[in-house]
C-alpha atoms as a PDB file:
ATOM      1  CA  UNK A   1     -12.539  43.480  14.141  1.00  0.00           C
ATOM      2  CA  UNK A   2     -11.267  42.025  10.919  1.00  0.00           C
ATOM      3  CA  UNK A   3      -8.514  40.326  12.930  1.00  0.00           C
ATOM      4  CA  UNK A   4     -11.428  38.837  15.214  1.00  0.00           C
ATOM      5  CA  UNK A   5     -13.105  37.542  11.998  1.00  0.00           C
ATOM      6  CA  UNK A   6      -9.816  35.971  10.683  1.00  0.00           C
ATOM      7  CA  UNK A   7      -9.314  34.428  14.079  1.00  0.00           C
ATOM      8  CA  UNK A   8     -12.578  32.863  13.906  1.00  0.00           C
ATOM      9  CA  UNK A   9     -12.050  31.535  10.477  1.00  0.00           C
ATOM     10  CA  UNK A  10      -8.898  30.200  11.339  1.00  0.00           C
ATOM     11  CA  UNK A  11     -10.556  28.446  14.408  1.00  0.00           C
ATOM     12  CA  UNK A  12     -13.190  26.975  12.130  1.00  0.00           C
ATOM     13  CA  UNK A  13     -10.274  25.711   9.855  1.00  0.00           C
ATOM     14  CA  UNK A  14      -8.810  23.819  12.629  1.00  0.00           C
ATOM     15  CA  UNK A  15     -11.800  22.593  14.478  1.00  0.00           C
ATOM     16  CA  UNK A  16     -13.759  21.345  11.597  1.00  0.00           C
ATOM     17  CA  UNK A  17     -12.074  18.576   9.519  1.00  0.00           C
ATOM     18  CA  UNK A  18     -15.042  17.059   7.581  1.00  0.00           C
ATOM     19  CA  UNK A  19     -15.004  15.816   4.042  1.00  0.00           C
ATOM     20  CA  UNK A  20     -15.086  18.429   1.238  1.00  0.00           C
ATOM     21  CA  UNK A  21     -18.693  17.654   0.538  1.00  0.00           C
ATOM     22  CA  UNK A  22     -19.870  18.275   4.035  1.00  0.00           C
ATOM     23  CA  UNK A  23     -17.856  21.323   4.357  1.00  0.00           C
ATOM     24  CA  UNK A  24     -19.603  22.585   1.303  1.00  0.00           C
ATOM     25  CA  UNK A  25     -22.879  22.151   3.029  1.00  0.00           C
ATOM     26  CA  UNK A  26     -21.756  23.813   6.435  1.00  0.00           C
ATOM     27  CA  UNK A  27     -19.729  26.633   4.687  1.00  0.00           C
ATOM     28  CA  UNK A  28     -22.594  29.143   4.071  1.00  0.00           C
ATOM     29  CA  UNK A  29     -23.727  29.092   7.735  1.00  0.00           C
ATOM     30  CA  UNK A  30     -20.204  29.374   8.975  1.00  0.00           C
ATOM     31  CA  UNK A  31     -19.447  32.395   6.835  1.00  0.00           C
ATOM     32  CA  UNK A  32     -22.476  34.193   8.039  1.00  0.00           C
ATOM     33  CA  UNK A  33     -21.877  33.313  11.446  1.00  0.00           C
ATOM     34  CA  UNK A  34     -18.385  35.037  11.320  1.00  0.00           C
ATOM     35  CA  UNK A  35     -19.894  38.024   9.589  1.00  0.00           C
ATOM     36  CA  UNK A  36     -22.500  38.288  12.276  1.00  0.00           C
ATOM     37  CA  UNK A  37     -19.983  38.217  15.152  1.00  0.00           C
ATOM     38  CA  UNK A  38     -17.894  40.791  13.392  1.00  0.00           C
ATOM     39  CA  UNK A  39     -20.845  43.097  12.791  1.00  0.00           C
ATOM     40  CA  UNK A  40     -21.918  42.831  16.317  1.00  0.00           C
ATOM     41  CA  UNK A  41     -18.478  43.813  17.392  1.00  0.00           C
ATOM     42  CA  UNK A  42     -18.286  46.709  14.855  1.00  0.00           C
ATOM     43  CA  UNK A  43     -21.762  48.052  15.978  1.00  0.00           C
ATOM     44  CA  UNK A  44     -20.886  47.912  19.593  1.00  0.00           C
ATOM     45  CA  UNK A  45     -17.405  49.499  19.196  1.00  0.00           C
ATOM     46  CA  UNK A  46     -18.845  52.274  16.849  1.00  0.00           C
ATOM     47  CA  UNK A  47     -21.043  53.612  19.737  1.00  0.00           C
ATOM     48  CA  UNK A  48     -18.846  52.576  22.778  1.00  0.00           C
ATOM     49  CA  UNK A  49     -16.089  55.036  21.665  1.00  0.00           C
ATOM     50  CA  UNK A  50     -18.673  57.943  21.520  1.00  0.00           C
ATOM     51  CA  UNK A  51     -19.922  56.865  24.886  1.00  0.00           C
ATOM     52  CA  UNK A  52     -16.576  56.505  26.459  1.00  0.00           C
ATOM     53  CA  UNK A  53     -15.638  60.155  25.365  1.00  0.00           C
ATOM     54  CA  UNK A  54     -18.985  61.507  25.863  1.00  0.00           C
ATOM     55  CA  UNK A  55     -19.083  62.560  22.304  1.00  0.00           C
ATOM     56  CA  UNK A  56     -22.625  61.484  21.436  1.00  0.00           C
ATOM     57  CA  UNK A  57     -24.029  64.656  23.331  1.00  0.00           C
ATOM     58  CA  UNK A  58     -21.899  66.811  21.254  1.00  0.00           C
ATOM     59  CA  UNK A  59     -22.966  65.003  17.993  1.00  0.00           C
ATOM     60  CA  UNK A  60     -26.615  65.278  18.963  1.00  0.00           C
ATOM     61  CA  UNK A  61     -25.920  69.120  19.303  1.00  0.00           C
ATOM     62  CA  UNK A  62     -24.722  69.488  15.971  1.00  0.00           C
ATOM     63  CA  UNK A  63     -27.028  71.617  13.654  1.00  0.00           C
ATOM     64  CA  UNK A  64     -28.053  68.795  11.576  1.00  0.00           C
ATOM     65  CA  UNK A  65     -31.246  66.444  11.378  1.00  0.00           C
ATOM     66  CA  UNK A  66     -31.159  63.431  13.608  1.00  0.00           C
ATOM     67  CA  UNK A  67     -32.072  61.496  10.406  1.00  0.00           C
ATOM     68  CA  UNK A  68     -28.686  62.518   8.918  1.00  0.00           C
ATOM     69  CA  UNK A  69     -26.836  61.310  12.107  1.00  0.00           C
ATOM     70  CA  UNK A  70     -28.602  57.907  11.753  1.00  0.00           C
ATOM     71  CA  UNK A  71     -27.867  57.815   7.970  1.00  0.00           C
ATOM     72  CA  UNK A  72     -24.100  58.430   8.689  1.00  0.00           C
ATOM     73  CA  UNK A  73     -23.839  55.702  11.223  1.00  0.00           C
ATOM     74  CA  UNK A  74     -25.903  53.379   8.925  1.00  0.00           C
ATOM     75  CA  UNK A  75     -23.692  54.084   6.155  1.00  0.00           C
ATOM     76  CA  UNK A  76     -20.437  53.754   7.922  1.00  0.00           C
ATOM     77  CA  UNK A  77     -21.427  50.368   9.518  1.00  0.00           C
ATOM     78  CA  UNK A  78     -22.453  49.223   5.939  1.00  0.00           C
ATOM     79  CA  UNK A  79     -19.151  50.195   4.526  1.00  0.00           C
ATOM     80  CA  UNK A  80     -17.327  48.584   7.275  1.00  0.00           C
ATOM     81  CA  UNK A  81     -19.364  45.340   6.832  1.00  0.00           C
ATOM     82  CA  UNK A  82     -18.657  45.197   3.059  1.00  0.00           C
ATOM     83  CA  UNK A  83     -14.821  45.921   3.515  1.00  0.00           C
ATOM     84  CA  UNK A  84     -14.566  43.161   6.275  1.00  0.00           C
ATOM     85  CA  UNK A  85     -16.346  40.719   4.190  1.00  0.00           C
ATOM     86  CA  UNK A  86     -14.089  41.317   1.089  1.00  0.00           C
ATOM     87  CA  UNK A  87     -11.100  40.785   3.233  1.00  0.00           C
ATOM     88  CA  UNK A  88     -12.479  37.739   5.263  1.00  0.00           C
ATOM     89  CA  UNK A  89     -14.098  35.878   2.460  1.00  0.00           C
ATOM     90  CA  UNK A  90     -10.927  34.835   0.668  1.00  0.00           C
ATOM     91  CA  UNK A  91      -9.465  33.958   3.913  1.00  0.00           C
ATOM     92  CA  UNK A  92     -12.512  31.666   4.570  1.00  0.00           C
ATOM     93  CA  UNK A  93     -12.169  29.879   1.261  1.00  0.00           C
ATOM     94  CA  UNK A  94      -8.430  29.630   1.585  1.00  0.00           C
ATOM     95  CA  UNK A  95      -8.339  28.333   5.101  1.00  0.00           C
ATOM     96  CA  UNK A  96     -11.425  25.852   4.670  1.00  0.00           C
ATOM     97  CA  UNK A  97      -9.997  24.782   1.262  1.00  0.00           C
ATOM     98  CA  UNK A  98     -13.246  25.492  -0.529  1.00  0.00           C
ATOM     99  CA  UNK A  99     -13.602  26.238  -4.254  1.00  0.00           C
ATOM    100  CA  UNK A 100     -14.338  29.865  -5.077  1.00  0.00           C
ATOM    101  CA  UNK A 101     -17.876  30.417  -6.317  1.00  0.00           C
ATOM    102  CA  UNK A 102     -18.133  31.054 -10.150  1.00  0.00           C
ATOM    103  CA  UNK A 103     -20.545  33.739  -9.959  1.00  0.00           C
ATOM    104  CA  UNK A 104     -18.989  36.433  -7.497  1.00  0.00           C
ATOM    105  CA  UNK A 105     -21.332  39.197  -8.723  1.00  0.00           C
ATOM    106  CA  UNK A 106     -24.254  37.246  -7.298  1.00  0.00           C
ATOM    107  CA  UNK A 107     -22.438  36.815  -3.868  1.00  0.00           C
ATOM    108  CA  UNK A 108     -21.522  40.406  -3.768  1.00  0.00           C
ATOM    109  CA  UNK A 109     -25.234  41.172  -4.396  1.00  0.00           C
ATOM    110  CA  UNK A 110     -26.251  38.976  -1.497  1.00  0.00           C
ATOM    111  CA  UNK A 111     -23.710  40.587   0.670  1.00  0.00           C
ATOM    112  CA  UNK A 112     -24.803  44.024  -0.144  1.00  0.00           C
ATOM    113  CA  UNK A 113     -28.544  43.247   0.444  1.00  0.00           C
ATOM    114  CA  UNK A 114     -27.879  41.463   3.732  1.00  0.00           C
ATOM    115  CA  UNK A 115     -25.275  44.166   5.040  1.00  0.00           C
ATOM    116  CA  UNK A 116     -27.882  46.813   4.331  1.00  0.00           C
ATOM    117  CA  UNK A 117     -30.400  44.981   6.630  1.00  0.00           C
ATOM    118  CA  UNK A 118     -27.893  44.313   9.345  1.00  0.00           C
ATOM    119  CA  UNK A 119     -26.570  47.715   9.376  1.00  0.00           C
ATOM    120  CA  UNK A 120     -29.915  49.314   9.577  1.00  0.00           C
ATOM    121  CA  UNK A 121     -31.239  47.086  12.349  1.00  0.00           C
ATOM    122  CA  UNK A 122     -27.751  47.120  14.092  1.00  0.00           C
ATOM    123  CA  UNK A 123     -27.455  50.924  13.921  1.00  0.00           C
ATOM    124  CA  UNK A 124     -30.942  51.552  15.461  1.00  0.00           C
ATOM    125  CA  UNK A 125     -30.311  48.898  18.205  1.00  0.00           C
ATOM    126  CA  UNK A 126     -26.939  50.298  19.119  1.00  0.00           C
ATOM    127  CA  UNK A 127     -28.130  53.707  19.478  1.00  0.00           C
ATOM    128  CA  UNK A 128     -31.098  52.396  21.672  1.00  0.00           C
ATOM    129  CA  UNK A 129     -29.022  50.390  24.015  1.00  0.00           C
ATOM    130  CA  UNK A 130     -25.889  52.638  24.119  1.00  0.00           C
ATOM    131  CA  UNK A 131     -26.667  54.208  27.473  1.00  0.00           C
ATOM    132  CA  UNK A 132     -27.694  51.049  29.236  1.00  0.00           C
ATOM    133  CA  UNK A 133     -25.236  49.678  31.611  1.00  0.00           C
ATOM    134  CA  UNK A 134     -25.023  46.163  30.125  1.00  0.00           C
ATOM    135  CA  UNK A 135     -25.190  47.260  26.436  1.00  0.00           C
ATOM    136  CA  UNK A 136     -22.384  44.800  25.441  1.00  0.00           C
ATOM    137  CA  UNK A 137     -24.842  41.958  26.448  1.00  0.00           C
ATOM    138  CA  UNK A 138     -28.019  43.606  25.285  1.00  0.00           C
ATOM    139  CA  UNK A 139     -27.088  44.483  21.852  1.00  0.00           C
ATOM    140  CA  UNK A 140     -26.518  40.801  20.794  1.00  0.00           C
ATOM    141  CA  UNK A 141     -29.545  39.809  22.602  1.00  0.00           C
ATOM    142  CA  UNK A 142     -31.747  42.113  20.636  1.00  0.00           C
ATOM    143  CA  UNK A 143     -29.926  41.857  17.382  1.00  0.00           C
ATOM    144  CA  UNK A 144     -29.594  37.999  16.863  1.00  0.00           C
ATOM    145  CA  UNK A 145     -33.425  37.351  16.816  1.00  0.00           C
ATOM    146  CA  UNK A 146     -34.183  40.356  14.657  1.00  0.00           C
ATOM    147  CA  UNK A 147     -31.805  39.467  11.942  1.00  0.00           C
ATOM    148  CA  UNK A 148     -32.444  35.891  12.038  1.00  0.00           C
ATOM    149  CA  UNK A 149     -34.952  35.706   9.135  1.00  0.00           C
ATOM    150  CA  UNK A 150     -32.325  37.688   7.231  1.00  0.00           C
ATOM    151  CA  UNK A 151     -29.509  35.467   8.058  1.00  0.00           C
ATOM    152  CA  UNK A 152     -31.618  32.396   7.010  1.00  0.00           C
ATOM    153  CA  UNK A 153     -32.123  33.919   3.574  1.00  0.00           C
ATOM    154  CA  UNK A 154     -28.364  34.797   3.387  1.00  0.00           C
ATOM    155  CA  UNK A 155     -27.395  31.386   4.208  1.00  0.00           C
ATOM    156  CA  UNK A 156     -29.703  29.737   1.695  1.00  0.00           C
ATOM    157  CA  UNK A 157     -28.590  32.206  -0.965  1.00  0.00           C
ATOM    158  CA  UNK A 158     -25.043  31.695  -0.326  1.00  0.00           C
ATOM    159  CA  UNK A 159     -25.502  27.990  -0.393  1.00  0.00           C
ATOM    160  CA  UNK A 160     -27.125  28.341  -3.766  1.00  0.00           C
ATOM    161  CA  UNK A 161     -24.397  30.413  -5.207  1.00  0.00           C
ATOM    162  CA  UNK A 162     -21.662  28.123  -3.863  1.00  0.00           C
ATOM    163  CA  UNK A 163     -23.466  25.201  -5.573  1.00  0.00           C
ATOM    164  CA  UNK A 164     -23.456  27.341  -8.769  1.00  0.00           C
ATOM    165  CA  UNK A 165     -27.185  26.997  -9.162  1.00  0.00           C
ATOM    166  CA  UNK A 166     -28.813  29.601 -11.475  1.00  0.00           C
ATOM    167  CA  UNK A 167     -30.782  32.345  -9.769  1.00  0.00           C
ATOM    168  CA  UNK A 168     -34.107  31.057 -10.841  1.00  0.00           C
ATOM    169  CA  UNK A 169     -33.320  27.765  -8.913  1.00  0.00           C
ATOM    170  CA  UNK A 170     -32.409  29.379  -5.578  1.00  0.00           C
ATOM    171  CA  UNK A 171     -34.150  28.060  -2.664  1.00  0.00           C
END
């Protein structure tokens, strides 16, 4: 899945050759598109393995509360997204020849908050559509509209960070 994200990033680098100023404008949206595609692939893959080996019924028969099962899926998805972003973000800046933001702590904070939201919604929807025949099509159809407000905020926050704006001037 990280390879998929790197391939998309490389594709963006070859497909878009605008000026550095316009790339600075497009980069936050491109970054979050890559992360959204990687997250959908990761969420689908995490439940498809359990469906393929019929392990989900065994997991449900474990002597733990269902909320613990959800929390474990949620946290594993969150950790994967953070790791994927830490690998893909330097590649993104390298391939698209963008300057690294000065305040990486703010960017990490935005990533953590957005990943918590994507993981929560994505884990719930993945578990919901797991037994549907066309779940690989249904998951993105349900997930994309539900995380759109979150992604709009993420893109705007990332743009403010990349423009080195102070926190109190973020849009």
